[in-house]
Amino acid sequence: MSEISPEVPDNRQDAPSHVDPNSTRITKPGVKRLVLTLSVLFSLVLGFPFLWKSVEIYRSSLPFGEISEMESNPSLSFPCRFQAVFINFNSNPSPNHLQLSILDKITELTSNSSQCGACANDLALSVTVDSISSCTQTHPTDNSNYYRCGAISAVDFDFSNDDDDGVDELLESVLGVKNVYSVVVVNGGGEGIRAVVGKYRHAWIVGSVEEEEEESVLVSRVAEIFVKMFVNGGTENGLIHGEFMPVGADRRIVLSFNLLNAEPNDWVYDWDFQRVDETLLAPIIKVLGPIANISVESQVLYHTPKSSFSYWDEKWKSYIFSTKDLPFFMWGGVVVWNPPGCLNSETNHPSRHTMSREDLQAVFEVFMGQFRQLFGLKSNNLYIGASGTYHLLPSGKGFTEWELDVLSRQFACFNLHSCATTLGSLSRLVQSLPRMIIMDEIGKLVQFSLEAAKLAQSNASLGDNESSAVSSGQARSLAEDAFFHPSIMSISYYSFEHCFAIYSPFFLPVSMHVLLAALREWKRYKQEKAKYTAWKAKVKVES
């Protein structure tokens, strides 16, 4: 038997039969549909940041401020310490007057030069007049070890003979102080003025000086040696013309020596290159260590008769080839060596020979001159300046100490400029593409490059040219490693347009439907609520 529930009275007011459902509502509209729709919309809006975070590009922070500061001022401040020593001057000229005259001439020679690696901003000059009766000198502005009065007089110097190497060694024993460049001016030694630049960091000028005009000539020569030789390396515009050749960012140089036997049907030559490497090349590789990492290779080749022919040149008094005849030698040099007696050979069978030590020495002297030209240095022993002619003593190492100083300063300066330019380009590239991937490794390379550059600047200010060259080379190499990192490619550029094109087909239709549904439900709810409010107001008026 089923249970019968008691009847529950309905307290709702009976809807009048004349109520229009399109304009009047007698029940309060529900909010369930509105809440559900808005909750879906809010969930979509709240989930957008998480979606954006999930597709975010990782970018390591780069020190843009430090990069900009270095790019605006990538200069190096090298201190230059000069001293001029005047010997056997009877008139006892004032060292202060000579100092001012030489400084004025140095300023005149460097006024039109903006050479990288110069030392115009940090220059000190000491002048000493050491005569038989007295010795006066200017007071140095720093603590450098300058000339001691009587040091040259205490040693048996003979500047009048032609033993320049002996004089050079004796002056090194007296003036051998690192980072101090000296010029010794000796009154006497016959007629005329003779100037010699040694293979260390000093030079000497010998000549009879009796008039004030000749004294001014000596002042001009001293200043010219300081600027043109010890600072510029014997060139007018320095050693760098757009790029420091031939050293790249990795500091590697490969010296490839090839012995070519042309049409080897009678004489075939070989060479003892191991001895050449040990005796001639090893000292050069060692002294150039702070600038370049040099490796050597050699080979002996046999080829058909040459397709180019040499021609006589009156200027050089020899048979030469033009550069268009040797298109495959962009860097380096060629020596055409005709062995004596080979043309008189009547044999039809090739005979093997080995180049003698003397022939190898002569050939490699030419190679050494060509190698020096690659670095912008002079290949001969003579420099003709505005004030006169200077004889340059060669070094058994291929490069004199003052030339190595110039190379180190120029190399350090060029590397730092290249480092600043590369890092500046990387900074602008990264800031222009906000969604480019920047790995942590790139950030570390940039940071290490900046630290190496600062170390190069610090070493330069202390006068340590070699350490500055090494640090600047590391800074340049690290900067280029960062700029050419494999992750910095066009495929790694994940732009906003690319992201929108990928995700819009999935999320845009759903988002539009949810948004339109929320707007439609909100509009419906407002209409139904307005109907209900109107009905309540009507009922209240009737009652």
Protein backbone atom coordinates (compact mmCIF):
# COMPACT_ATOMS: atom_id res chain seq x y z
CA MET A 1 0.00 0.00 0.00
CA SER A 2 1.58 3.23 -1.11
CA GLU A 3 2.13 6.16 1.20
CA ILE A 4 0.15 9.29 0.52
CA SER A 5 2.03 12.52 1.29
CA PRO A 6 0.11 15.38 2.81
CA GLU A 7 -0.68 18.18 0.42
CA VAL A 8 1.59 21.17 0.75
CA PRO A 9 -0.12 24.48 0.26
CA ASP A 10 1.24 26.64 -2.55
CA ASN A 11 1.90 30.09 -1.18
CA ARG A 12 2.96 31.50 -4.56
CA GLN A 13 0.73 34.13 -5.91
CA ASP A 14 -1.23 32.95 -8.88
CA ALA A 15 -0.01 34.55 -11.99
CA PRO A 16 -2.64 36.81 -13.44
CA SER A 17 -3.86 35.71 -16.75
CA HIS A 18 -3.19 39.14 -18.25
CA VAL A 19 0.63 39.12 -17.53
CA ASP A 20 2.81 39.48 -20.65
CA PRO A 21 5.83 37.10 -20.36
CA ASN A 22 7.83 39.22 -22.81
CA SER A 23 7.79 42.28 -20.56
CA THR A 24 7.02 40.95 -17.09
CA ARG A 25 8.53 38.27 -14.87
CA ILE A 26 6.91 37.23 -11.58
CA THR A 27 9.87 35.07 -10.35
CA LYS A 28 13.39 36.14 -9.50
CA PRO A 29 15.88 35.12 -12.24
CA GLY A 30 18.45 32.52 -11.28
CA VAL A 31 22.22 33.12 -11.40
CA LYS A 32 23.40 29.54 -11.87
CA ARG A 33 23.86 29.85 -15.63
CA LEU A 34 25.59 33.21 -15.23
CA VAL A 35 27.97 31.91 -12.56
CA LEU A 36 28.90 28.88 -14.63
CA THR A 37 29.54 30.94 -17.72
CA LEU A 38 31.60 33.55 -15.89
CA SER A 39 33.58 30.88 -14.06
CA VAL A 40 34.57 29.35 -17.39
CA LEU A 41 35.57 32.80 -18.68
CA PHE A 42 37.58 33.65 -15.52
CA SER A 43 39.29 30.26 -15.67
CA LEU A 44 40.36 30.99 -19.21
CA VAL A 45 41.60 34.48 -18.28
CA LEU A 46 43.44 33.23 -15.19
CA GLY A 47 45.05 30.43 -17.19
CA PHE A 48 46.47 32.81 -19.81
CA PRO A 49 49.48 33.88 -17.67
CA PHE A 50 50.33 30.24 -17.04
CA LEU A 51 50.11 29.57 -20.78
CA TRP A 52 52.33 32.59 -21.50
CA LYS A 53 54.80 31.43 -18.89
CA SER A 54 54.90 27.95 -20.41
CA VAL A 55 55.92 29.34 -23.82
CA GLU A 56 58.30 31.99 -22.41
CA ILE A 57 61.72 32.32 -24.05
CA TYR A 58 64.69 31.88 -21.71
CA ARG A 59 67.02 34.88 -21.75
CA SER A 60 70.14 35.11 -19.69
CA SER A 61 70.68 38.60 -18.31
CA LEU A 62 73.43 40.54 -20.08
CA PRO A 63 75.28 43.52 -18.55
CA PHE A 64 74.05 46.07 -21.07
CA GLY A 65 75.32 48.99 -18.99
CA GLU A 66 78.90 47.69 -18.85
CA ILE A 67 78.83 46.87 -22.56
CA SER A 68 77.63 50.37 -23.42
CA GLU A 69 80.31 51.91 -21.21
CA MET A 70 83.06 49.88 -22.84
CA GLU A 71 81.80 50.58 -26.35
CA SER A 72 81.82 54.32 -25.67
CA ASN A 73 85.38 54.27 -24.30
CA PRO A 74 87.42 51.24 -25.43
CA SER A 75 90.78 53.01 -25.20
CA LEU A 76 93.90 51.83 -23.41
CA SER A 77 96.19 54.17 -21.50
CA PHE A 78 99.79 53.06 -21.97
CA PRO A 79 102.42 54.95 -19.96
CA CYS A 80 105.50 55.99 -21.93
CA ARG A 81 108.68 56.79 -20.04
CA PHE A 82 111.37 58.59 -22.03
CA GLN A 83 114.81 59.80 -21.06
CA ALA A 84 117.36 61.79 -23.03
CA VAL A 85 121.00 61.81 -21.92
CA PHE A 86 123.37 64.47 -23.31
CA ILE A 87 127.08 63.60 -22.99
CA ASN A 88 130.18 65.84 -23.35
CA PHE A 89 128.39 69.13 -23.96
CA ASN A 90 130.79 71.94 -23.07
CA SER A 91 128.10 74.61 -23.04
CA ASN A 92 126.18 72.74 -20.33
CA PRO A 93 122.67 73.39 -21.71
CA SER A 94 119.87 73.56 -19.20
CA PRO A 95 118.10 70.19 -18.84
CA ASN A 96 114.82 71.97 -18.12
CA HIS A 97 115.12 73.93 -21.36
CA LEU A 98 115.92 70.76 -23.30
CA GLN A 99 113.01 68.98 -21.67
CA LEU A 100 110.55 71.68 -22.72
CA SER A 101 111.97 71.74 -26.25
CA ILE A 102 111.72 67.98 -26.67
CA LEU A 103 108.20 67.89 -25.21
CA ASP A 104 107.09 70.64 -27.58
CA LYS A 105 108.48 68.69 -30.52
CA ILE A 106 106.80 65.48 -29.32
CA THR A 107 103.50 67.33 -29.06
CA GLU A 108 103.98 68.66 -32.57
CA LEU A 109 104.65 65.19 -33.95
CA THR A 110 101.65 63.63 -32.19
CA SER A 111 99.14 66.46 -32.69
CA ASN A 112 97.71 65.03 -35.92
CA SER A 113 97.88 61.42 -34.85
CA SER A 114 94.98 59.51 -33.32
CA GLN A 115 96.84 56.26 -33.43
CA CYS A 116 95.56 53.32 -31.45
CA GLY A 117 98.01 52.30 -28.73
CA ALA A 118 99.78 55.63 -28.43
CA CYS A 119 100.75 57.15 -25.09
CA ALA A 120 99.99 60.83 -25.53
CA ASN A 121 97.91 60.97 -22.34
CA ASP A 122 100.54 59.42 -20.05
CA LEU A 123 104.00 60.62 -21.02
CA ALA A 124 106.99 61.40 -18.83
CA LEU A 125 110.39 62.70 -19.94
CA SER A 126 113.62 62.95 -18.00
CA VAL A 127 116.60 64.89 -19.39
CA THR A 128 120.15 64.57 -18.12
CA VAL A 129 123.16 66.68 -19.12
CA ASP A 130 126.24 64.70 -18.08
CA SER A 131 129.40 66.63 -18.83
CA ILE A 132 132.93 66.20 -17.56
CA SER A 133 132.63 68.86 -14.87
CA SER A 134 129.00 68.50 -13.75
CA CYS A 135 125.80 66.52 -14.14
CA THR A 136 122.33 68.02 -13.96
CA GLN A 137 119.00 66.42 -14.67
CA THR A 138 115.31 67.10 -14.39
CA HIS A 139 113.43 65.52 -11.54
CA PRO A 140 111.30 62.57 -12.72
CA THR A 141 107.59 62.72 -11.97
CA ASP A 142 107.36 59.04 -11.11
CA ASN A 143 109.44 56.37 -9.43
CA SER A 144 110.92 54.90 -12.64
CA ASN A 145 114.59 54.04 -12.70
CA TYR A 146 116.18 56.68 -14.91
CA TYR A 147 119.80 57.38 -15.79
CA ARG A 148 122.35 57.71 -13.01
CA CYS A 149 124.89 60.48 -13.44
CA GLY A 150 128.30 59.22 -14.55
CA ALA A 151 127.05 55.78 -15.58
CA ILE A 152 128.15 56.14 -19.21
CA SER A 153 131.40 57.89 -18.33
CA ALA A 154 132.31 55.01 -16.04
CA VAL A 155 132.21 52.57 -18.98
CA ASP A 156 134.65 52.71 -21.84
CA PHE A 157 132.32 53.77 -24.65
CA ASP A 158 133.68 54.46 -28.11
CA PHE A 159 130.82 55.91 -30.15
CA SER A 160 133.11 56.92 -33.03
CA ASN A 161 133.79 53.41 -34.36
CA ASP A 162 131.49 51.22 -36.41
CA ASP A 163 130.93 48.57 -33.76
CA ASP A 164 127.25 49.40 -33.29
CA ASP A 165 126.46 46.00 -31.82
CA GLY A 166 129.13 46.45 -29.15
CA VAL A 167 127.85 49.92 -28.25
CA ASP A 168 124.32 48.57 -28.16
CA GLU A 169 125.27 45.85 -25.66
CA LEU A 170 127.19 48.30 -23.46
CA LEU A 171 124.27 50.74 -23.41
CA GLU A 172 121.95 47.88 -22.48
CA SER A 173 124.15 47.13 -19.47
CA VAL A 174 123.82 50.76 -18.35
CA LEU A 175 120.32 51.74 -19.51
CA GLY A 176 118.62 48.35 -19.47
CA VAL A 177 115.40 49.31 -17.66
CA LYS A 178 112.10 47.87 -18.84
CA ASN A 179 109.49 50.29 -20.17
CA VAL A 180 111.95 53.21 -20.26
CA TYR A 181 113.05 54.35 -23.73
CA SER A 182 116.38 56.16 -23.88
CA VAL A 183 118.23 58.31 -26.39
CA VAL A 184 121.88 59.11 -25.70
CA VAL A 185 123.24 62.21 -27.47
CA VAL A 186 127.05 62.38 -27.61
CA ASN A 187 128.86 65.55 -28.63
CA GLY A 188 131.86 64.52 -30.71
CA GLY A 189 132.81 61.76 -33.07
CA GLY A 190 133.75 63.73 -36.18
CA GLU A 191 131.72 65.70 -38.68
CA GLY A 192 128.04 65.16 -39.32
CA ILE A 193 125.39 63.58 -37.17
CA ARG A 194 124.84 59.83 -37.05
CA ALA A 195 121.80 58.23 -35.41
CA VAL A 196 121.43 54.53 -34.55
CA VAL A 197 118.42 52.77 -33.04
CA GLY A 198 119.45 49.67 -31.13
CA LYS A 199 117.70 46.35 -30.75
CA TYR A 200 116.73 46.99 -27.14
CA ARG A 201 114.97 50.14 -25.91
CA HIS A 202 117.57 52.80 -26.60
CA ALA A 203 119.18 54.76 -29.40
CA TRP A 204 122.19 57.02 -29.69
CA ILE A 205 123.08 60.09 -31.71
CA VAL A 206 126.71 61.03 -32.30
CA GLY A 207 127.87 64.30 -33.83
CA SER A 208 129.70 67.56 -33.26
CA VAL A 209 127.41 70.25 -31.88
CA GLU A 210 128.78 73.77 -31.59
CA GLU A 211 125.93 76.05 -32.63
CA GLU A 212 122.44 76.54 -31.31
CA GLU A 213 120.94 75.50 -34.66
CA GLU A 214 122.62 72.12 -34.48
CA GLU A 215 121.34 71.74 -30.93
CA SER A 216 117.77 72.26 -32.20
CA VAL A 217 118.42 69.60 -34.85
CA LEU A 218 119.42 67.17 -32.10
CA VAL A 219 116.26 68.01 -30.16
CA SER A 220 114.17 67.29 -33.28
CA ARG A 221 115.97 63.99 -33.81
CA VAL A 222 115.47 62.91 -30.21
CA ALA A 223 111.75 63.66 -30.40
CA GLU A 224 111.46 61.89 -33.75
CA ILE A 225 113.07 58.75 -32.37
CA PHE A 226 110.70 58.75 -29.41
CA VAL A 227 107.55 59.23 -31.51
CA LYS A 228 108.27 57.70 -34.90
CA MET A 229 110.29 54.71 -33.70
CA PHE A 230 109.51 53.81 -30.10
CA VAL A 231 105.78 54.72 -30.31
CA ASN A 232 104.77 54.26 -33.96
CA GLY A 233 107.14 51.46 -34.86
CA GLY A 234 108.80 53.22 -37.77
CA THR A 235 105.62 53.92 -39.75
CA GLU A 236 103.76 57.16 -40.30
CA ASN A 237 100.28 56.01 -39.25
CA GLY A 238 101.12 53.21 -36.86
CA LEU A 239 100.92 49.53 -37.63
CA ILE A 240 97.17 48.99 -37.99
CA HIS A 241 95.31 49.88 -41.16
CA GLY A 242 91.77 48.71 -40.43
CA GLU A 243 92.85 45.33 -39.10
CA PHE A 244 95.80 43.85 -37.26
CA MET A 245 97.19 41.47 -39.84
CA PRO A 246 97.59 38.58 -39.95
CA VAL A 247 96.47 37.57 -36.43
CA GLY A 248 92.83 36.53 -36.03
CA ALA A 249 90.63 36.31 -32.97
CA ASP A 250 92.02 32.90 -32.03
CA ARG A 251 95.62 34.29 -32.19
CA ARG A 252 96.65 31.37 -34.42
CA ILE A 253 99.12 31.75 -37.26
CA VAL A 254 100.27 28.91 -39.47
CA LEU A 255 103.62 29.48 -41.16
CA SER A 256 103.66 27.21 -44.19
CA PHE A 257 107.02 26.83 -45.93
CA ASN A 258 107.06 25.15 -49.31
CA LEU A 259 110.09 24.18 -51.36
CA LEU A 260 108.92 24.04 -54.97
CA ASN A 261 111.02 22.21 -57.53
CA ALA A 262 110.12 23.57 -60.94
CA GLU A 263 110.33 20.96 -63.72
CA PRO A 264 112.46 18.50 -61.72
CA ASN A 265 113.99 16.65 -64.65
CA ASP A 266 117.62 17.29 -63.76
CA TRP A 267 118.14 18.81 -60.28
CA VAL A 268 115.92 17.99 -57.29
CA TYR A 269 116.46 19.90 -54.05
CA ASP A 270 115.52 19.10 -50.48
CA TRP A 271 116.14 20.98 -47.22
CA ASP A 272 116.84 20.24 -43.56
CA PHE A 273 113.80 22.07 -42.27
CA GLN A 274 114.04 20.68 -38.74
CA ARG A 275 117.30 22.56 -38.23
CA VAL A 276 115.68 25.69 -39.67
CA ASP A 277 112.81 25.33 -37.25
CA GLU A 278 115.09 24.88 -34.25
CA THR A 279 117.65 27.57 -35.01
CA LEU A 280 115.81 30.27 -36.98
CA LEU A 281 112.09 29.97 -36.28
CA ALA A 282 112.03 28.94 -32.61
CA PRO A 283 113.30 32.35 -31.32
CA ILE A 284 110.74 34.18 -33.45
CA ILE A 285 107.88 31.99 -32.24
CA LYS A 286 108.94 32.55 -28.63
CA VAL A 287 109.12 36.35 -28.74
CA LEU A 288 105.77 36.58 -30.56
CA GLY A 289 104.08 34.32 -28.00
CA PRO A 290 102.04 37.10 -26.30
CA ILE A 291 100.68 38.19 -29.67
CA ALA A 292 100.20 35.02 -31.66
CA ASN A 293 100.14 31.25 -31.28
CA ILE A 294 102.38 30.24 -34.17
CA SER A 295 102.64 26.76 -35.66
CA VAL A 296 104.97 25.76 -38.48
CA GLU A 297 104.54 23.32 -41.34
CA SER A 298 106.70 22.52 -44.35
CA GLN A 299 106.62 20.43 -47.51
CA VAL A 300 108.61 19.76 -50.67
CA LEU A 301 106.62 19.87 -53.92
CA TYR A 302 107.36 19.02 -57.53
CA HIS A 303 105.45 20.70 -60.31
CA THR A 304 105.41 21.34 -64.04
CA PRO A 305 107.20 24.29 -65.65
CA LYS A 306 105.99 27.64 -64.40
CA SER A 307 103.33 29.48 -66.37
CA SER A 308 104.54 32.94 -65.25
CA PHE A 309 107.85 34.51 -66.16
CA SER A 310 109.85 37.06 -64.22
CA TYR A 311 111.06 40.35 -65.65
CA TRP A 312 113.94 42.67 -64.88
CA ASP A 313 113.24 45.65 -62.64
CA GLU A 314 115.72 48.53 -62.62
CA LYS A 315 114.58 49.81 -59.23
CA TRP A 316 115.25 46.54 -57.44
CA LYS A 317 118.03 45.43 -59.77
CA SER A 318 116.63 41.92 -59.99
CA TYR A 319 114.10 39.71 -61.74
CA ILE A 320 110.71 39.95 -60.10
CA PHE A 321 107.11 38.70 -60.40
CA SER A 322 104.07 40.95 -60.17
CA THR A 323 101.25 40.21 -57.75
CA LYS A 324 98.85 39.34 -60.59
CA ASP A 325 101.22 36.53 -61.60
CA LEU A 326 100.84 34.94 -58.16
CA PRO A 327 97.10 35.13 -57.44
CA PHE A 328 97.11 32.32 -54.91
CA PHE A 329 99.52 34.06 -52.50
CA MET A 330 97.45 36.62 -50.72
CA TRP A 331 99.48 36.47 -47.57
CA GLY A 332 103.17 35.62 -47.53
CA GLY A 333 106.01 35.85 -49.98
CA VAL A 334 107.94 34.03 -52.67
CA VAL A 335 111.68 33.70 -53.15
CA VAL A 336 112.95 32.56 -56.55
CA TRP A 337 116.25 30.79 -55.93
CA ASN A 338 118.41 29.55 -58.79
CA PRO A 339 121.06 27.13 -57.48
CA PRO A 340 124.50 27.92 -58.88
CA GLY A 341 125.62 25.50 -61.56
CA CYS A 342 122.26 23.88 -62.18
CA LEU A 343 121.99 25.38 -65.66
CA ASN A 344 125.33 23.86 -66.65
CA SER A 345 124.18 20.37 -65.88
CA GLU A 346 124.23 18.01 -68.90
CA THR A 347 122.82 14.93 -67.20
CA ASN A 348 119.43 13.62 -68.21
CA HIS A 349 118.78 12.00 -64.89
CA PRO A 350 117.66 14.02 -61.86
CA SER A 351 120.27 14.35 -59.15
CA ARG A 352 119.24 15.02 -55.56
CA HIS A 353 120.77 17.83 -53.53
CA THR A 354 120.20 19.50 -50.17
CA MET A 355 120.21 23.24 -49.67
CA SER A 356 123.27 24.33 -47.73
CA ARG A 357 123.06 26.17 -44.42
CA GLU A 358 124.31 29.37 -46.06
CA ASP A 359 121.66 29.21 -48.78
CA LEU A 360 118.94 28.55 -46.22
CA GLN A 361 120.15 31.48 -44.13
CA ALA A 362 119.98 33.80 -47.14
CA VAL A 363 116.51 32.61 -48.15
CA PHE A 364 115.09 32.87 -44.65
CA GLU A 365 116.43 36.39 -44.24
CA VAL A 366 114.14 37.32 -47.13
CA PHE A 367 111.27 35.39 -45.53
CA MET A 368 111.91 37.23 -42.28
CA GLY A 369 111.62 40.58 -44.03
CA GLN A 370 108.35 39.49 -45.63
CA PHE A 371 107.06 38.24 -42.30
CA ARG A 372 107.86 41.58 -40.65
CA GLN A 373 105.97 43.37 -43.40
CA LEU A 374 102.86 41.35 -42.56
CA PHE A 375 102.93 43.03 -39.14
CA GLY A 376 103.48 46.46 -40.67
CA LEU A 377 107.18 46.73 -39.73
CA LYS A 378 110.04 47.75 -41.98
CA SER A 379 111.98 45.03 -43.75
CA ASN A 380 115.18 47.06 -44.22
CA ASN A 381 117.65 48.60 -41.78
CA LEU A 382 117.12 52.22 -42.69
CA TYR A 383 114.51 54.78 -41.68
CA ILE A 384 114.35 58.18 -43.37
CA GLY A 385 112.56 60.72 -41.22
CA ALA A 386 111.88 64.40 -41.44
CA SER A 387 114.96 65.25 -39.33
CA GLY A 388 117.41 62.79 -40.87
CA THR A 389 118.31 59.19 -41.51
CA TYR A 390 118.41 56.49 -38.83
CA HIS A 391 120.20 53.17 -38.92
CA LEU A 392 118.20 50.31 -37.35
CA LEU A 393 120.08 47.44 -35.78
CA PRO A 394 118.51 44.05 -36.56
CA SER A 395 117.80 41.49 -33.88
CA GLY A 396 118.66 37.83 -34.05
CA LYS A 397 115.11 37.13 -32.87
CA GLY A 398 113.62 38.87 -35.89
CA PHE A 399 112.01 41.63 -33.81
CA THR A 400 113.71 44.14 -31.53
CA GLU A 401 112.40 44.73 -28.02
CA TRP A 402 110.97 48.16 -28.83
CA GLU A 403 109.24 46.66 -31.90
CA LEU A 404 107.71 43.97 -29.72
CA ASP A 405 106.46 46.68 -27.36
CA VAL A 406 104.84 48.48 -30.28
CA LEU A 407 103.26 45.28 -31.57
CA SER A 408 101.92 44.42 -28.12
CA ARG A 409 100.38 47.87 -27.66
CA GLN A 410 98.86 47.91 -31.13
CA PHE A 411 97.59 44.35 -30.80
CA ALA A 412 96.04 45.04 -27.40
CA CYS A 413 94.39 48.24 -28.62
CA PHE A 414 92.96 46.64 -31.76
CA ASN A 415 91.67 43.64 -29.82
CA LEU A 416 89.93 45.85 -27.27
CA HIS A 417 88.27 47.92 -29.99
CA SER A 418 87.15 44.75 -31.75
CA CYS A 419 85.84 43.32 -28.46
CA ALA A 420 83.85 46.48 -27.72
CA THR A 421 82.39 46.55 -31.23
CA THR A 422 81.38 42.89 -31.11
CA LEU A 423 79.78 43.13 -27.67
CA GLY A 424 77.99 46.34 -28.69
CA SER A 425 76.56 44.63 -31.77
CA LEU A 426 75.43 41.69 -29.64
CA SER A 427 73.79 44.03 -27.12
CA ARG A 428 71.85 45.89 -29.80
CA LEU A 429 70.80 42.64 -31.45
CA VAL A 430 69.51 41.14 -28.21
CA GLN A 431 67.60 44.29 -27.23
CA SER A 432 66.00 44.58 -30.67
CA LEU A 433 64.68 40.99 -30.54
CA PRO A 434 62.94 40.58 -27.16
CA ARG A 435 62.08 36.92 -27.76
CA MET A 436 65.52 35.72 -28.85
CA ILE A 437 66.91 32.80 -26.87
CA ILE A 438 69.91 33.84 -24.76
CA MET A 439 71.58 30.84 -23.13
CA ASP A 440 73.51 30.99 -19.86
CA GLU A 441 76.66 30.12 -21.76
CA ILE A 442 76.36 33.32 -23.79
CA GLY A 443 75.94 35.37 -20.62
CA LYS A 444 79.05 33.76 -19.13
CA LEU A 445 81.07 34.40 -22.30
CA VAL A 446 80.04 38.06 -22.26
CA GLN A 447 80.90 38.41 -18.58
CA PHE A 448 84.29 36.72 -19.03
CA SER A 449 85.00 38.93 -22.04
CA LEU A 450 84.30 42.08 -20.03
CA GLU A 451 86.51 40.86 -17.19
CA ALA A 452 89.37 40.12 -19.61
CA ALA A 453 88.94 43.56 -21.20
CA LYS A 454 89.11 45.26 -17.80
CA LEU A 455 92.22 43.24 -16.99
CA ALA A 456 93.79 44.38 -20.27
CA GLN A 457 93.07 48.00 -19.38
CA SER A 458 94.56 47.51 -15.91
CA ASN A 459 97.71 45.86 -17.31
CA ALA A 460 98.06 48.64 -19.87
CA SER A 461 97.92 51.33 -17.20
CA LEU A 462 100.71 49.51 -15.33
CA GLY A 463 102.88 49.37 -18.44
CA ASP A 464 102.68 45.58 -18.81
CA ASN A 465 102.34 45.46 -22.60
CA GLU A 466 102.62 41.68 -22.97
CA SER A 467 99.97 40.87 -20.35
CA SER A 468 97.69 43.52 -21.82
CA ALA A 469 98.04 41.93 -25.27
CA VAL A 470 97.23 38.47 -23.91
CA SER A 471 94.19 39.68 -21.93
CA SER A 472 92.84 41.73 -24.83
CA GLY A 473 93.19 38.74 -27.13
CA GLN A 474 91.14 36.65 -24.70
CA ALA A 475 88.51 39.40 -24.47
CA ARG A 476 88.17 39.56 -28.25
CA SER A 477 88.01 35.78 -28.63
CA LEU A 478 85.34 35.42 -25.92
CA ALA A 479 83.28 38.25 -27.42
CA GLU A 480 83.28 36.62 -30.85
CA ASP A 481 82.45 33.23 -29.32
CA ALA A 482 79.42 34.84 -27.69
CA PHE A 483 78.30 36.65 -30.85
CA PHE A 484 78.67 33.58 -33.08
CA HIS A 485 77.21 31.12 -30.58
CA PRO A 486 75.21 28.38 -32.36
CA SER A 487 72.05 29.22 -30.39
CA ILE A 488 71.99 32.75 -31.81
CA MET A 489 70.50 31.83 -35.15
CA SER A 490 67.43 32.94 -37.04
CA ILE A 491 65.64 29.70 -36.14
CA SER A 492 66.04 30.53 -32.48
CA TYR A 493 64.10 33.76 -32.87
CA TYR A 494 60.68 32.94 -31.39
CA SER A 495 58.69 36.08 -32.18
CA PHE A 496 55.28 37.04 -30.81
CA GLU A 497 53.82 36.76 -34.30
CA HIS A 498 55.14 33.22 -34.57
CA CYS A 499 53.69 32.32 -31.18
CA PHE A 500 50.29 33.83 -32.08
CA ALA A 501 50.22 31.98 -35.40
CA ILE A 502 50.80 28.65 -33.67
CA TYR A 503 48.40 28.89 -30.72
CA SER A 504 45.58 31.01 -32.19
CA PRO A 505 43.99 28.11 -34.15
CA PHE A 506 43.61 26.18 -30.90
CA PHE A 507 42.66 28.82 -28.34
CA LEU A 508 41.06 31.62 -30.36
CA PRO A 509 37.85 29.74 -31.34
CA VAL A 510 37.30 28.47 -27.79
CA SER A 511 38.05 31.86 -26.28
CA MET A 512 35.65 33.62 -28.65
CA HIS A 513 32.82 31.16 -27.89
CA VAL A 514 33.33 31.48 -24.13
CA LEU A 515 33.48 35.27 -24.32
CA LEU A 516 30.39 35.52 -26.51
CA ALA A 517 28.52 33.07 -24.25
CA ALA A 518 29.41 35.14 -21.17
CA LEU A 519 28.27 38.36 -22.84
CA ARG A 520 25.05 36.74 -24.03
CA GLU A 521 24.29 35.29 -20.58
CA TRP A 522 25.01 38.61 -18.88
CA LYS A 523 22.68 40.38 -21.28
CA ARG A 524 19.92 37.78 -20.68
CA TYR A 525 20.31 38.04 -16.93
CA LYS A 526 19.98 41.84 -17.01
CA GLN A 527 16.83 41.61 -19.15
CA GLU A 528 15.17 39.01 -16.91
CA LYS A 529 16.07 40.98 -13.79
CA ALA A 530 14.59 44.13 -15.32
CA LYS A 531 11.31 42.22 -15.99
CA TYR A 532 11.17 40.97 -12.42
CA THR A 533 11.87 44.44 -11.01
CA ALA A 534 9.09 45.93 -13.14
CA TRP A 535 6.58 43.31 -11.97
CA LYS A 536 7.41 43.90 -8.29
CA ALA A 537 6.97 47.63 -8.73
CA LYS A 538 3.58 47.05 -10.36
CA VAL A 539 2.39 44.74 -7.60
CA LYS A 540 3.44 47.26 -4.97
CA VAL A 541 1.46 50.03 -6.64
CA GLU A 542 -1.69 47.87 -6.91
CA SER A 543 -1.54 46.90 -3.26
